[in-house]
N, C-alpha and C. Protein backbone atom coordinates (compact mmCIF):
# COMPACT_ATOMS: atom_id res chain seq x y z
N MET A 1 -4.97 -16.30 0.09
CA MET A 1 -6.06 -15.89 -0.34
C MET A 1 -6.84 -16.67 -1.38
N SER A 2 -7.93 -17.19 -2.70
CA SER A 2 -7.41 -17.45 -3.81
C SER A 2 -8.41 -16.83 -4.52
N GLU A 3 -8.70 -15.86 -5.91
CA GLU A 3 -9.69 -15.36 -6.11
C GLU A 3 -10.98 -15.69 -6.47
N PRO A 4 -11.79 -15.12 -6.03
CA PRO A 4 -13.80 -15.43 -5.89
C PRO A 4 -13.58 -16.95 -7.11
N ILE A 5 -14.27 -17.63 -7.13
CA ILE A 5 -14.46 -18.24 -8.27
C ILE A 5 -16.00 -17.34 -9.70
N GLU A 6 -16.12 -17.39 -9.97
CA GLU A 6 -16.57 -16.93 -11.81
C GLU A 6 -18.46 -17.22 -11.09
N GLU A 7 -18.54 -17.83 -10.66
CA GLU A 7 -20.38 -18.13 -10.95
C GLU A 7 -20.65 -17.55 -8.96
N SER A 8 -19.66 -16.76 -8.66
CA SER A 8 -20.03 -15.59 -7.27
C SER A 8 -19.67 -13.69 -7.70
N ARG A 9 -19.50 -13.88 -9.06
CA ARG A 9 -19.42 -12.29 -9.39
C ARG A 9 -20.77 -11.83 -9.40
N ARG A 10 -20.86 -10.78 -9.52
CA ARG A 10 -22.00 -10.03 -9.46
C ARG A 10 -21.63 -9.18 -11.58
N ALA A 11 -21.51 -8.98 -11.61
CA ALA A 11 -20.70 -8.88 -13.07
C ALA A 11 -20.13 -10.06 -14.38
N ARG A 12 -19.49 -10.09 -15.06
CA ARG A 12 -18.90 -10.28 -15.94
C ARG A 12 -17.79 -9.31 -16.34
N ARG A 13 -16.38 -10.40 -16.70
CA ARG A 13 -15.27 -8.92 -15.53
C ARG A 13 -14.63 -9.00 -18.00
N LEU A 14 -14.75 -7.91 -17.79
CA LEU A 14 -14.00 -7.53 -18.83
C LEU A 14 -12.10 -7.50 -19.36
N GLY A 15 -11.96 -8.88 -20.27
CA GLY A 15 -10.20 -8.85 -19.92
C GLY A 15 -9.48 -7.32 -20.73
N LEU A 16 -8.51 -6.83 -20.69
CA LEU A 16 -7.94 -6.67 -21.20
C LEU A 16 -5.74 -6.11 -20.70
N THR A 17 -5.27 -4.94 -20.34
CA THR A 17 -4.19 -4.82 -20.17
C THR A 17 -3.95 -3.52 -20.43
N MET A 18 -4.25 -2.79 -19.68
CA MET A 18 -4.09 -1.55 -19.40
C MET A 18 -3.46 -0.84 -18.13
N PRO A 19 -2.45 0.13 -18.55
CA PRO A 19 -0.91 0.93 -17.20
C PRO A 19 -2.28 1.42 -16.59
N ALA A 20 -1.81 1.37 -14.89
CA ALA A 20 -2.59 2.36 -14.27
C ALA A 20 -1.36 2.24 -12.98
N ARG A 21 -2.11 3.48 -12.69
CA ARG A 21 -0.88 3.48 -10.59
C ARG A 21 -1.72 2.66 -9.54
N CYS A 22 -1.72 2.22 -8.90
CA CYS A 22 -2.21 2.40 -7.67
C CYS A 22 -1.21 2.89 -6.31
N ARG A 23 -2.04 3.23 -5.76
CA ARG A 23 -1.53 4.07 -4.14
C ARG A 23 -2.13 2.86 -3.25
N THR A 24 -1.07 3.44 -2.13
CA THR A 24 -2.22 2.88 -1.48
C THR A 24 -2.55 4.44 -0.17
N LEU A 25 -2.81 4.39 1.29
CA LEU A 25 -2.69 5.20 2.02
C LEU A 25 -1.53 5.26 2.45
N GLY A 26 -1.20 4.98 3.12
CA GLY A 26 0.87 5.02 3.25
C GLY A 26 1.13 5.50 1.88
N GLY A 27 1.02 6.22 1.25
CA GLY A 27 1.43 6.85 -0.17
C GLY A 27 2.28 5.96 -0.85
N PHE A 28 2.97 4.83 -0.63
CA PHE A 28 3.41 3.92 -1.69
C PHE A 28 2.27 4.15 -3.27
N ILE A 29 3.08 3.80 -3.87
CA ILE A 29 2.61 4.01 -5.74
C ILE A 29 3.45 2.62 -6.12
N ASP A 30 2.14 2.18 -6.98
CA ASP A 30 3.68 0.96 -7.51
C ASP A 30 2.74 1.41 -9.38
N ASP A 31 3.36 1.41 -9.98
CA ASP A 31 3.05 1.08 -11.96
C ASP A 31 2.39 -0.31 -11.59
N VAL A 32 0.98 -0.65 -12.18
CA VAL A 32 0.33 -2.38 -12.12
C VAL A 32 -0.11 -2.18 -13.82
N ILE A 33 -0.84 -3.11 -13.86
CA ILE A 33 -1.58 -3.59 -14.91
C ILE A 33 -3.26 -4.32 -14.65
N ILE A 34 -3.94 -3.13 -15.10
CA ILE A 34 -5.20 -4.14 -14.77
C ILE A 34 -5.53 -4.99 -16.06
N ARG A 35 -5.79 -5.98 -15.29
CA ARG A 35 -6.02 -7.21 -16.57
C ARG A 35 -7.59 -7.65 -16.74
N ASP A 36 -8.03 -7.26 -15.60
CA ASP A 36 -9.51 -7.46 -16.19
C ASP A 36 -10.36 -6.58 -15.10
N VAL A 37 -11.35 -6.12 -15.76
CA VAL A 37 -12.19 -4.56 -14.72
C VAL A 37 -13.64 -5.27 -15.72
N SER A 38 -14.69 -5.05 -14.34
CA SER A 38 -15.84 -4.85 -14.43
C SER A 38 -16.26 -3.60 -14.05
N PRO A 39 -17.87 -3.53 -14.00
CA PRO A 39 -17.78 -1.92 -12.77
C PRO A 39 -18.31 -2.38 -11.30
N GLN A 40 -17.44 -2.97 -10.55
CA GLN A 40 -18.12 -3.27 -9.54
C GLN A 40 -16.17 -3.39 -8.81
N GLY A 41 -15.69 -3.74 -9.77
CA GLY A 41 -13.86 -3.61 -10.16
C GLY A 41 -13.36 -4.36 -10.95
N CYS A 42 -11.94 -4.40 -10.61
CA CYS A 42 -10.15 -4.47 -10.89
C CYS A 42 -9.84 -6.06 -10.14
N ARG A 43 -8.61 -6.87 -11.93
CA ARG A 43 -7.43 -7.58 -11.05
C ARG A 43 -6.39 -6.67 -11.31
N ILE A 44 -5.54 -6.18 -10.58
CA ILE A 44 -3.99 -5.70 -10.89
C ILE A 44 -2.96 -6.85 -10.52
N VAL A 45 -2.55 -6.45 -11.30
CA VAL A 45 -0.47 -6.97 -11.73
C VAL A 45 0.35 -6.31 -11.37
N SER A 46 1.41 -6.72 -10.66
CA SER A 46 2.34 -5.97 -10.01
C SER A 46 3.42 -7.21 -9.61
N ARG A 47 4.83 -7.02 -10.48
CA ARG A 47 6.16 -7.61 -10.43
C ARG A 47 6.77 -7.23 -8.94
N ALA A 48 5.63 -6.34 -8.10
CA ALA A 48 6.08 -5.64 -7.09
C ALA A 48 5.23 -5.18 -6.16
N LEU A 49 4.34 -5.68 -6.04
CA LEU A 49 2.75 -5.52 -5.18
C LEU A 49 3.11 -5.49 -4.13
N THR A 50 2.22 -4.68 -3.66
CA THR A 50 2.32 -3.78 -2.26
C THR A 50 1.50 -4.40 -0.94
N VAL A 51 0.22 -4.24 -1.59
CA VAL A 51 -0.81 -3.95 -1.04
C VAL A 51 -1.09 -5.51 0.06
N ARG A 52 -1.28 -5.15 0.94
CA ARG A 52 -2.36 -6.32 1.53
C ARG A 52 -4.33 -6.68 1.72
N LEU A 53 -4.33 -7.41 2.21
CA LEU A 53 -6.32 -7.61 1.80
C LEU A 53 -6.54 -6.92 3.01
N ALA A 54 -7.13 -6.25 2.39
CA ALA A 54 -8.53 -5.09 3.20
C ALA A 54 -7.85 -3.55 2.97
N ALA A 55 -6.70 -3.23 1.99
CA ALA A 55 -6.09 -2.40 2.48
C ALA A 55 -6.98 -1.45 1.25
N ARG A 56 -7.04 -0.34 1.33
CA ARG A 56 -7.25 0.63 0.69
C ARG A 56 -6.58 1.64 0.19
N VAL A 57 -6.80 1.05 -1.38
CA VAL A 57 -6.24 2.15 -2.13
C VAL A 57 -6.92 2.85 -3.35
N ILE A 58 -6.62 3.58 -4.42
CA ILE A 58 -6.80 4.09 -5.47
C ILE A 58 -5.58 3.65 -6.52
N ILE A 59 -6.82 3.33 -7.13
CA ILE A 59 -6.48 2.76 -8.82
C ILE A 59 -6.79 4.23 -10.14
N ARG A 60 -5.07 4.43 -9.88
CA ARG A 60 -5.32 5.58 -11.65
C ARG A 60 -4.77 5.29 -12.70
N PRO A 61 -6.43 4.35 -13.33
CA PRO A 61 -6.01 3.91 -14.96
C PRO A 61 -5.46 4.86 -16.05
N VAL A 62 -4.73 4.46 -16.63
CA VAL A 62 -4.71 6.05 -17.11
C VAL A 62 -5.37 6.83 -18.12
N GLY A 63 -4.62 8.34 -17.90
CA GLY A 63 -6.74 8.53 -18.90
C GLY A 63 -7.74 8.73 -17.43
N MET A 64 -7.37 8.34 -16.61
CA MET A 64 -8.61 8.46 -15.99
C MET A 64 -7.90 8.75 -15.20
N GLU A 65 -9.72 9.39 -13.99
CA GLU A 65 -9.54 9.82 -12.60
C GLU A 65 -9.31 7.99 -11.68
N GLY A 66 -9.00 8.47 -10.78
CA GLY A 66 -8.16 7.58 -9.26
C GLY A 66 -9.49 7.48 -8.71
N LEU A 67 -10.17 5.92 -8.99
CA LEU A 67 -10.94 5.35 -8.32
C LEU A 67 -10.43 3.83 -7.25
N CYS A 68 -11.20 4.89 -6.33
CA CYS A 68 -11.14 4.26 -5.01
C CYS A 68 -11.59 2.72 -4.78
N ALA A 69 -11.03 2.09 -4.10
CA ALA A 69 -11.75 0.65 -4.26
C ALA A 69 -10.59 -0.38 -2.51
N THR A 70 -10.74 -1.30 -2.67
CA THR A 70 -10.80 -2.38 -1.31
C THR A 70 -10.04 -2.89 -1.79
N VAL A 71 -8.66 -3.63 -1.17
CA VAL A 71 -8.34 -4.65 -1.76
C VAL A 71 -8.81 -6.39 -1.88
N ARG A 72 -9.82 -7.25 -2.40
CA ARG A 72 -10.40 -8.42 -1.70
C ARG A 72 -9.87 -9.67 -2.19
N TRP A 73 -9.01 -9.98 -2.62
CA TRP A 73 -8.07 -10.57 -2.87
C TRP A 73 -6.93 -10.99 -3.61
N ILE A 74 -5.73 -11.06 -2.76
CA ILE A 74 -4.36 -11.65 -3.39
C ILE A 74 -3.78 -13.34 -3.35
N ASN A 75 -3.14 -13.18 -4.74
CA ASN A 75 -2.26 -14.95 -5.59
C ASN A 75 -0.95 -14.32 -5.47
N GLY A 76 -0.20 -14.59 -5.30
CA GLY A 76 1.03 -14.05 -5.37
C GLY A 76 1.47 -12.42 -5.75
N HIS A 77 0.94 -11.82 -6.74
CA HIS A 77 1.74 -11.34 -7.33
C HIS A 77 0.20 -10.29 -8.56
N GLU A 78 -0.64 -11.14 -8.16
CA GLU A 78 -2.07 -10.45 -8.62
C GLU A 78 -3.21 -9.94 -7.06
N ALA A 79 -4.28 -9.12 -7.32
CA ALA A 79 -4.79 -8.64 -6.19
C ALA A 79 -5.60 -8.42 -7.05
N GLY A 80 -7.56 -8.19 -6.94
CA GLY A 80 -8.84 -8.00 -6.94
C GLY A 80 -8.74 -7.21 -5.98
N VAL A 81 -9.56 -5.89 -6.84
CA VAL A 81 -9.68 -5.49 -5.46
C VAL A 81 -11.50 -4.79 -6.12
N GLU A 82 -12.30 -4.34 -5.27
CA GLU A 82 -13.70 -3.95 -5.29
C GLU A 82 -13.35 -2.38 -4.82
N PHE A 83 -14.59 -1.75 -6.02
CA PHE A 83 -14.59 -0.35 -6.32
C PHE A 83 -15.27 0.04 -5.18
N ASP A 84 -15.16 1.53 -4.78
CA ASP A 84 -16.51 1.88 -4.05
C ASP A 84 -17.47 2.26 -4.13
N GLN A 85 -17.46 2.81 -5.88
CA GLN A 85 -18.59 3.73 -6.54
C GLN A 85 -18.27 2.57 -7.86
N PRO A 86 -19.74 1.05 -8.43
CA PRO A 86 -19.12 1.12 -9.18
C PRO A 86 -18.60 2.52 -10.57
N LEU A 87 -18.34 1.57 -11.18
CA LEU A 87 -18.24 1.82 -12.75
C LEU A 87 -19.27 1.80 -13.79
N TYR A 88 -19.89 3.41 -14.42
CA TYR A 88 -20.29 3.32 -15.30
C TYR A 88 -20.63 1.32 -16.20
N GLY A 89 -21.09 1.65 -16.13
CA GLY A 89 -21.27 -0.02 -16.97
C GLY A 89 -20.58 0.19 -19.01
N PRO A 90 -20.77 1.15 -19.41
CA PRO A 90 -20.32 1.80 -20.89
C PRO A 90 -18.76 1.85 -20.74
N VAL A 91 -18.55 2.82 -19.77
CA VAL A 91 -16.55 2.78 -19.39
C VAL A 91 -15.33 1.92 -19.22
N ALA A 92 -16.54 0.50 -18.86
CA ALA A 92 -15.43 -0.56 -18.37
C ALA A 92 -15.39 -1.47 -19.53
N GLU A 93 -16.71 -1.10 -20.20
CA GLU A 93 -17.43 -1.53 -21.74
C GLU A 93 -16.03 -0.87 -22.65
N HIS A 94 -15.32 0.37 -22.95
CA HIS A 94 -14.37 1.48 -23.16
C HIS A 94 -13.29 1.16 -23.07
N MET A 95 -12.80 0.64 -21.69
CA MET A 95 -12.05 0.50 -21.27
C MET A 95 -11.39 -0.79 -21.92
N HIS A 96 -12.08 -1.86 -21.94
CA HIS A 96 -11.73 -3.18 -22.58
C HIS A 96 -11.45 -3.13 -24.20
N ARG A 97 -13.11 -2.83 -24.66
CA ARG A 97 -12.01 -2.16 -26.09
C ARG A 97 -11.76 -1.32 -26.33
N THR A 98 -10.67 -0.16 -25.65
CA THR A 98 -9.84 0.42 -26.41
C THR A 98 -8.29 -0.06 -25.55
N PHE A 99 -8.04 -0.92 -24.31
CA PHE A 99 -6.40 -1.76 -24.26
C PHE A 99 -7.12 -3.08 -24.15
N LEU A 100 -8.10 -3.31 -25.04
CA LEU A 100 -7.83 -4.98 -25.51
C LEU A 100 -6.25 -5.43 -25.50
N THR A 101 -5.43 -5.16 -26.09
CA THR A 101 -3.81 -5.34 -26.55
C THR A 101 -2.97 -4.02 -26.15
N PHE A 102 -1.86 -4.40 -25.31
CA PHE A 102 -0.64 -3.14 -24.37
C PHE A 102 -0.28 -3.69 -25.95
N PRO A 103 1.03 -1.66 -26.32
CA PRO A 103 0.42 -0.54 -26.55
C PRO A 103 -1.11 -0.72 -27.24
N PRO A 104 -1.81 -0.29 -27.31
CA PRO A 104 -2.91 -0.28 -27.61
C PRO A 104 -2.88 0.62 -28.52
N ALA A 105 -3.16 0.71 -30.22
CA ALA A 105 -2.74 1.23 -30.78
C ALA A 105 -2.56 2.98 -31.87
N HIS A 106 -4.18 3.17 -30.89
CA HIS A 106 -3.78 4.85 -30.58
C HIS A 106 -2.33 5.28 -29.38
N LEU A 107 -1.38 4.46 -28.69
CA LEU A 107 -0.34 5.29 -28.22
C LEU A 107 0.72 4.94 -29.41
N PRO A 108 1.33 6.13 -28.77
CA PRO A 108 3.21 5.70 -29.76
C PRO A 108 3.72 4.93 -28.76
N VAL A 109 4.83 4.47 -30.02
CA VAL A 109 6.13 3.35 -29.29
C VAL A 109 6.56 4.54 -28.21
N ALA A 110 6.70 5.87 -28.69
CA ALA A 110 7.57 6.43 -27.25
C ALA A 110 6.92 7.06 -26.03
N PRO A 111 8.12 6.78 -24.96
CA PRO A 111 7.61 7.21 -23.90
C PRO A 111 6.78 8.56 -24.31
N PRO A 112 5.53 8.90 -23.86
CA PRO A 112 5.29 10.64 -24.33
C PRO A 112 6.12 11.30 -23.95
N VAL A 113 5.50 12.80 -24.11
CA VAL A 113 7.04 14.08 -24.01
C VAL A 113 6.55 14.31 -22.33
N SER A 114 5.42 14.52 -22.33
CA SER A 114 5.26 14.76 -20.68
C SER A 114 5.72 14.25 -19.32
N GLY A 115 5.96 12.76 -19.65
CA GLY A 115 6.62 12.35 -18.44
C GLY A 115 6.74 10.42 -19.68
N GLN A 116 7.39 10.01 -18.33
CA GLN A 116 8.44 8.18 -18.84
C GLN A 116 6.89 7.41 -18.48
N TYR A 117 5.55 7.54 -18.50
CA TYR A 117 4.88 6.89 -17.45
C TYR A 117 4.23 5.55 -18.46
N TYR A 118 4.34 5.53 -20.00
CA TYR A 118 3.94 5.00 -20.91
C TYR A 118 5.62 3.94 -20.54
N GLY A 119 6.71 4.58 -21.27
CA GLY A 119 8.12 4.08 -20.56
C GLY A 119 8.45 2.95 -19.83
N THR A 120 8.32 3.21 -18.80
CA THR A 120 7.90 2.07 -17.07
C THR A 120 7.62 1.66 -17.43
N ILE A 121 6.28 0.75 -18.07
CA ILE A 121 5.97 0.00 -17.49
C ILE A 121 5.69 -1.31 -18.93
N VAL A 122 6.19 -0.41 -19.76
CA VAL A 122 6.34 -0.82 -21.00
C VAL A 122 8.21 -1.73 -20.78
N ARG A 123 9.14 -1.20 -19.98
CA ARG A 123 10.43 -1.65 -19.06
C ARG A 123 9.97 -2.52 -17.75
N ARG A 124 9.42 -2.39 -17.02
CA ARG A 124 8.55 -2.66 -16.22
C ARG A 124 8.40 -4.89 -17.02
N LEU A 125 7.87 -4.81 -17.56
CA LEU A 125 6.70 -6.24 -17.79
C LEU A 125 7.87 -6.90 -18.87
N ALA A 126 8.69 -6.14 -19.38
CA ALA A 126 9.67 -6.62 -20.43
C ALA A 126 10.94 -7.59 -19.71
N ALA A 127 11.23 -6.83 -18.14
CA ALA A 127 12.51 -7.21 -17.46
C ALA A 127 12.42 -8.77 -17.36
């Protein structure tokens, strides 16, 4: 299924490149990149996208709590998800401003000491 056209959207999508984790109800976890966001949902990209249409997932953007969502469309390595509860508009705008580029200027180049999360994303994108 292809991505819906822009005129059918309830809100404008804000472009960004934000690392996140996507967990399916079956327990599979995949590192993904959020490519755009609106209060109603986002587009995720993964080299090994393992979700299916209408699947329930939890998207956990870096530094945020998990967001329950439903997969609404899939196109190759991309999927569009609709959040169960819309994001507060200023939160989507903050995500956009903070992650307009990747990695954001405020993040260290090396992975954080507590884990390899950023390093994993950088290695997967560079592969």
